Amino acid sequence: MSGWAWNVCVLTAVFGLWLSSGTQRERPLVANDCLETLQRLEANIVASPDDETVRRELVQAYLDARNPGMAVRAVEAAPEAVRVRPRVEHLYARALAESGQSGDALRAQRRALAACSKLEGSSDACDSWFIAAATRRADIFEELVRFGIEDAQAYPERSAIAYHSATRQARLAVQ
């Protein structure tokens, strides 16, 4: 074998090894410290897909594990009767916002508030804390959309301005 052919073979082998080794390692979808909790909650969902409380716990666990995409999917996979519940819509809005979908998050938050209005006077009525939190979050999402920010994490400076604009308070000066 000539020197030129030998060099080509060696370079090809080195290049093949380099490609197969890769520079990135696989990253788990969720951190190992959250895995046991998520597995338990996912098993509970399989056993009781209509249980709103377990669904909310699963969505919250995905958000805590910094995996909003799985949280969005957990809500979207829920039965319709569970998806339209105010507290589920509220979590869905947060998951959408953390996924970089401010416009969809605003619509989901408005649905949560509308669902609270429909439940007014019933035993399932939303408490005042929930309504205040949902209203404040809707205001923040509305400002993000008004500023043209779909992904708040991609534009932290503009997002901070939108957040400040949504949460500022007017006070009357007493004379």
C-alpha atoms as a PDB file:
ATOM      1  CA  MET A   1       0.000   0.000   0.000  1.00  0.00           C
ATOM      2  CA  SER A   2       1.376   3.394  -0.968  1.00  0.00           C
ATOM      3  CA  GLY A   3       1.995   6.152   1.579  1.00  0.00           C
ATOM      4  CA  TRP A   4      -0.822   8.269   0.162  1.00  0.00           C
ATOM      5  CA  ALA A   5      -3.411   5.478   0.437  1.00  0.00           C
ATOM      6  CA  TRP A   6      -2.216   4.660   3.976  1.00  0.00           C
ATOM      7  CA  ASN A   7      -2.681   8.311   5.029  1.00  0.00           C
ATOM      8  CA  VAL A   8      -6.199   8.365   3.583  1.00  0.00           C
ATOM      9  CA  CYS A   9      -7.111   5.172   5.498  1.00  0.00           C
ATOM     10  CA  VAL A  10      -5.738   6.536   8.775  1.00  0.00           C
ATOM     11  CA  LEU A  11      -7.491   9.887   8.325  1.00  0.00           C
ATOM     12  CA  THR A  12     -10.762   8.146   7.442  1.00  0.00           C
ATOM     13  CA  ALA A  13     -10.528   5.950  10.547  1.00  0.00           C
ATOM     14  CA  VAL A  14      -9.740   8.936  12.789  1.00  0.00           C
ATOM     15  CA  PHE A  15     -12.598  10.931  11.261  1.00  0.00           C
ATOM     16  CA  GLY A  16     -14.997   7.999  11.765  1.00  0.00           C
ATOM     17  CA  LEU A  17     -13.978   7.656  15.416  1.00  0.00           C
ATOM     18  CA  TRP A  18     -14.379  11.386  15.926  1.00  0.00           C
ATOM     19  CA  LEU A  19     -17.895  11.353  14.414  1.00  0.00           C
ATOM     20  CA  SER A  20     -18.998   8.354  16.445  1.00  0.00           C
ATOM     21  CA  SER A  21     -17.732   9.799  19.721  1.00  0.00           C
ATOM     22  CA  GLY A  22     -19.705  13.030  19.373  1.00  0.00           C
ATOM     23  CA  THR A  23     -19.185  16.164  21.395  1.00  0.00           C
ATOM     24  CA  GLN A  24     -22.503  16.068  23.239  1.00  0.00           C
ATOM     25  CA  ARG A  25     -23.711  13.495  25.681  1.00  0.00           C
ATOM     26  CA  GLU A  26     -27.331  12.511  26.091  1.00  0.00           C
ATOM     27  CA  ARG A  27     -29.140  14.638  28.605  1.00  0.00           C
ATOM     28  CA  PRO A  28     -32.025  13.135  30.563  1.00  0.00           C
ATOM     29  CA  LEU A  29     -35.440  14.749  30.125  1.00  0.00           C
ATOM     30  CA  VAL A  30     -35.700  15.333  33.856  1.00  0.00           C
ATOM     31  CA  ALA A  31     -33.175  15.523  36.675  1.00  0.00           C
ATOM     32  CA  ASN A  32     -32.573  12.295  38.567  1.00  0.00           C
ATOM     33  CA  ASP A  33     -33.751  13.817  41.850  1.00  0.00           C
ATOM     34  CA  CYS A  34     -37.233  14.388  40.330  1.00  0.00           C
ATOM     35  CA  LEU A  35     -37.462  11.048  38.574  1.00  0.00           C
ATOM     36  CA  GLU A  36     -39.035   9.040  41.388  1.00  0.00           C
ATOM     37  CA  THR A  37     -41.738  11.639  42.044  1.00  0.00           C
ATOM     38  CA  LEU A  38     -42.559  11.922  38.354  1.00  0.00           C
ATOM     39  CA  GLN A  39     -42.750   8.155  37.934  1.00  0.00           C
ATOM     40  CA  ARG A  40     -45.158   7.916  40.875  1.00  0.00           C
ATOM     41  CA  LEU A  41     -47.342  10.745  39.542  1.00  0.00           C
ATOM     42  CA  GLU A  42     -47.344   9.325  36.016  1.00  0.00           C
ATOM     43  CA  ALA A  43     -48.447   5.939  37.409  1.00  0.00           C
ATOM     44  CA  ASN A  44     -51.229   7.718  39.318  1.00  0.00           C
ATOM     45  CA  ILE A  45     -52.346   9.446  36.107  1.00  0.00           C
ATOM     46  CA  VAL A  46     -52.554   6.111  34.318  1.00  0.00           C
ATOM     47  CA  ALA A  47     -54.676   4.759  37.167  1.00  0.00           C
ATOM     48  CA  SER A  48     -56.895   7.871  37.434  1.00  0.00           C
ATOM     49  CA  PRO A  49     -56.756  10.005  34.271  1.00  0.00           C
ATOM     50  CA  ASP A  50     -59.784  12.074  35.397  1.00  0.00           C
ATOM     51  CA  ASP A  51     -58.265  13.082  38.745  1.00  0.00           C
ATOM     52  CA  GLU A  52     -57.672  16.830  38.543  1.00  0.00           C
ATOM     53  CA  THR A  53     -55.515  16.968  41.663  1.00  0.00           C
ATOM     54  CA  VAL A  54     -53.083  14.299  40.439  1.00  0.00           C
ATOM     55  CA  ARG A  55     -52.937  15.985  37.019  1.00  0.00           C
ATOM     56  CA  ARG A  56     -52.078  19.332  38.623  1.00  0.00           C
ATOM     57  CA  GLU A  57     -49.415  17.679  40.794  1.00  0.00           C
ATOM     58  CA  LEU A  58     -47.853  16.086  37.702  1.00  0.00           C
ATOM     59  CA  VAL A  59     -47.859  19.348  35.750  1.00  0.00           C
ATOM     60  CA  GLN A  60     -46.359  21.192  38.733  1.00  0.00           C
ATOM     61  CA  ALA A  61     -43.691  18.487  39.116  1.00  0.00           C
ATOM     62  CA  TYR A  62     -42.711  18.895  35.456  1.00  0.00           C
ATOM     63  CA  LEU A  63     -42.509  22.668  35.917  1.00  0.00           C
ATOM     64  CA  ASP A  64     -40.393  22.203  39.052  1.00  0.00           C
ATOM     65  CA  ALA A  65     -38.118  19.883  37.048  1.00  0.00           C
ATOM     66  CA  ARG A  66     -37.737  22.693  34.468  1.00  0.00           C
ATOM     67  CA  ASN A  67     -39.435  20.720  31.745  1.00  0.00           C
ATOM     68  CA  PRO A  68     -42.331  22.905  30.573  1.00  0.00           C
ATOM     69  CA  GLY A  69     -42.772  20.940  27.355  1.00  0.00           C
ATOM     70  CA  MET A  70     -43.731  17.826  29.308  1.00  0.00           C
ATOM     71  CA  ALA A  71     -46.020  19.968  31.499  1.00  0.00           C
ATOM     72  CA  VAL A  72     -47.793  21.272  28.390  1.00  0.00           C
ATOM     73  CA  ARG A  73     -48.175  17.733  27.093  1.00  0.00           C
ATOM     74  CA  ALA A  74     -49.515  16.505  30.460  1.00  0.00           C
ATOM     75  CA  VAL A  75     -52.305  19.079  30.259  1.00  0.00           C
ATOM     76  CA  GLU A  76     -53.031  18.508  26.584  1.00  0.00           C
ATOM     77  CA  ALA A  77     -53.306  14.744  27.196  1.00  0.00           C
ATOM     78  CA  ALA A  78     -55.876  15.261  29.966  1.00  0.00           C
ATOM     79  CA  PRO A  79     -59.564  14.584  29.382  1.00  0.00           C
ATOM     80  CA  GLU A  80     -61.549  17.682  28.365  1.00  0.00           C
ATOM     81  CA  ALA A  81     -63.342  17.869  31.731  1.00  0.00           C
ATOM     82  CA  VAL A  82     -59.974  18.189  33.498  1.00  0.00           C
ATOM     83  CA  ARG A  83     -58.365  20.552  30.975  1.00  0.00           C
ATOM     84  CA  VAL A  84     -61.054  23.217  31.377  1.00  0.00           C
ATOM     85  CA  ARG A  85     -60.739  23.440  35.176  1.00  0.00           C
ATOM     86  CA  PRO A  86     -59.440  26.878  36.280  1.00  0.00           C
ATOM     87  CA  ARG A  87     -56.423  25.625  38.224  1.00  0.00           C
ATOM     88  CA  VAL A  88     -55.379  23.312  35.387  1.00  0.00           C
ATOM     89  CA  GLU A  89     -55.677  26.171  32.873  1.00  0.00           C
ATOM     90  CA  HIS A  90     -53.641  28.344  35.257  1.00  0.00           C
ATOM     91  CA  LEU A  91     -50.797  25.794  35.315  1.00  0.00           C
ATOM     92  CA  TYR A  92     -51.150  25.301  31.559  1.00  0.00           C
ATOM     93  CA  ALA A  93     -50.668  29.045  31.059  1.00  0.00           C
ATOM     94  CA  ARG A  94     -47.472  28.964  33.108  1.00  0.00           C
ATOM     95  CA  ALA A  95     -46.168  25.950  31.173  1.00  0.00           C
ATOM     96  CA  LEU A  96     -46.906  27.674  27.869  1.00  0.00           C
ATOM     97  CA  ALA A  97     -45.151  30.840  29.014  1.00  0.00           C
ATOM     98  CA  GLU A  98     -42.104  28.884  30.121  1.00  0.00           C
ATOM     99  CA  SER A  99     -42.147  27.136  26.732  1.00  0.00           C
ATOM    100  CA  GLY A 100     -41.897  30.510  25.000  1.00  0.00           C
ATOM    101  CA  GLN A 101     -45.540  30.863  23.963  1.00  0.00           C
ATOM    102  CA  SER A 102     -46.755  34.078  25.610  1.00  0.00           C
ATOM    103  CA  GLY A 103     -49.739  34.540  23.306  1.00  0.00           C
ATOM    104  CA  ASP A 104     -51.063  31.045  24.001  1.00  0.00           C
ATOM    105  CA  ALA A 105     -50.319  31.536  27.705  1.00  0.00           C
ATOM    106  CA  LEU A 106     -52.436  34.699  27.736  1.00  0.00           C
ATOM    107  CA  ARG A 107     -55.360  32.874  26.097  1.00  0.00           C
ATOM    108  CA  ALA A 108     -55.087  30.003  28.605  1.00  0.00           C
ATOM    109  CA  GLN A 109     -54.956  32.426  31.535  1.00  0.00           C
ATOM    110  CA  ARG A 110     -58.048  34.228  30.247  1.00  0.00           C
ATOM    111  CA  ARG A 111     -59.831  30.864  29.972  1.00  0.00           C
ATOM    112  CA  ALA A 112     -58.918  30.165  33.614  1.00  0.00           C
ATOM    113  CA  LEU A 113     -60.458  33.467  34.689  1.00  0.00           C
ATOM    114  CA  ALA A 114     -63.550  32.866  32.552  1.00  0.00           C
ATOM    115  CA  ALA A 115     -63.959  29.407  34.111  1.00  0.00           C
ATOM    116  CA  CYS A 116     -63.814  31.039  37.558  1.00  0.00           C
ATOM    117  CA  SER A 117     -66.619  33.393  36.539  1.00  0.00           C
ATOM    118  CA  LYS A 118     -68.771  30.437  35.485  1.00  0.00           C
ATOM    119  CA  LEU A 119     -68.177  28.684  38.814  1.00  0.00           C
ATOM    120  CA  GLU A 120     -69.075  31.742  40.892  1.00  0.00           C
ATOM    121  CA  GLY A 121     -71.565  30.860  43.613  1.00  0.00           C
ATOM    122  CA  SER A 122     -70.954  27.107  43.384  1.00  0.00           C
ATOM    123  CA  SER A 123     -69.040  24.906  45.791  1.00  0.00           C
ATOM    124  CA  ASP A 124     -66.172  24.778  43.235  1.00  0.00           C
ATOM    125  CA  ALA A 125     -65.854  28.579  43.088  1.00  0.00           C
ATOM    126  CA  CYS A 126     -62.350  30.029  42.831  1.00  0.00           C
ATOM    127  CA  ASP A 127     -61.033  31.685  45.966  1.00  0.00           C
ATOM    128  CA  SER A 128     -59.980  35.336  45.953  1.00  0.00           C
ATOM    129  CA  TRP A 129     -56.268  34.482  46.165  1.00  0.00           C
ATOM    130  CA  PHE A 130     -56.485  32.385  43.000  1.00  0.00           C
ATOM    131  CA  ILE A 131     -58.426  35.080  41.133  1.00  0.00           C
ATOM    132  CA  ALA A 132     -55.878  37.727  42.167  1.00  0.00           C
ATOM    133  CA  ALA A 133     -52.927  35.539  41.113  1.00  0.00           C
ATOM    134  CA  ALA A 134     -54.568  34.616  37.797  1.00  0.00           C
ATOM    135  CA  THR A 135     -55.470  38.238  37.075  1.00  0.00           C
ATOM    136  CA  ARG A 136     -51.944  39.427  37.804  1.00  0.00           C
ATOM    137  CA  ARG A 137     -50.443  36.711  35.612  1.00  0.00           C
ATOM    138  CA  ALA A 138     -52.886  37.573  32.798  1.00  0.00           C
ATOM    139  CA  ASP A 139     -51.782  41.219  33.067  1.00  0.00           C
ATOM    140  CA  ILE A 140     -48.134  40.173  32.766  1.00  0.00           C
ATOM    141  CA  PHE A 141     -48.835  37.958  29.749  1.00  0.00           C
ATOM    142  CA  GLU A 142     -50.838  40.759  28.159  1.00  0.00           C
ATOM    143  CA  GLU A 143     -47.889  43.133  28.492  1.00  0.00           C
ATOM    144  CA  LEU A 144     -45.501  40.539  27.058  1.00  0.00           C
ATOM    145  CA  VAL A 145     -47.794  40.131  24.047  1.00  0.00           C
ATOM    146  CA  ARG A 146     -48.205  43.919  23.734  1.00  0.00           C
ATOM    147  CA  PHE A 147     -44.414  44.291  23.697  1.00  0.00           C
ATOM    148  CA  GLY A 148     -44.189  41.557  21.024  1.00  0.00           C
ATOM    149  CA  ILE A 149     -42.345  39.142  23.325  1.00  0.00           C
ATOM    150  CA  GLU A 150     -43.285  35.548  22.660  1.00  0.00           C
ATOM    151  CA  ASP A 151     -40.409  34.019  24.639  1.00  0.00           C
ATOM    152  CA  ALA A 152     -39.674  35.977  27.820  1.00  0.00           C
ATOM    153  CA  GLN A 153     -36.443  34.072  28.474  1.00  0.00           C
ATOM    154  CA  ALA A 154     -35.040  35.027  25.073  1.00  0.00           C
ATOM    155  CA  TYR A 155     -35.506  38.752  25.769  1.00  0.00           C
ATOM    156  CA  PRO A 156     -34.884  39.273  29.495  1.00  0.00           C
ATOM    157  CA  GLU A 157     -34.484  43.075  29.319  1.00  0.00           C
ATOM    158  CA  ARG A 158     -37.675  43.662  27.363  1.00  0.00           C
ATOM    159  CA  SER A 159     -39.472  41.095  29.542  1.00  0.00           C
ATOM    160  CA  ALA A 160     -38.428  42.950  32.683  1.00  0.00           C
ATOM    161  CA  ILE A 161     -39.877  46.171  31.257  1.00  0.00           C
ATOM    162  CA  ALA A 162     -43.130  44.383  30.369  1.00  0.00           C
ATOM    163  CA  TYR A 163     -43.272  42.834  33.847  1.00  0.00           C
ATOM    164  CA  HIS A 164     -42.686  46.207  35.501  1.00  0.00           C
ATOM    165  CA  SER A 165     -45.347  47.785  33.305  1.00  0.00           C
ATOM    166  CA  ALA A 166     -47.863  45.082  34.227  1.00  0.00           C
ATOM    167  CA  THR A 167     -47.174  45.181  37.950  1.00  0.00           C
ATOM    168  CA  ARG A 168     -46.707  48.872  38.640  1.00  0.00           C
ATOM    169  CA  GLN A 169     -49.096  50.382  41.120  1.00  0.00           C
ATOM    170  CA  ALA A 170     -50.554  53.850  41.106  1.00  0.00           C
ATOM    171  CA  ARG A 171     -50.772  55.618  44.444  1.00  0.00           C
ATOM    172  CA  LEU A 172     -52.600  58.783  45.348  1.00  0.00           C
ATOM    173  CA  ALA A 173     -50.618  61.368  47.203  1.00  0.00           C
ATOM    174  CA  VAL A 174     -52.292  62.451  50.428  1.00  0.00           C
ATOM    175  CA  GLN A 175     -52.170  66.206  50.963  1.00  0.00           C
END
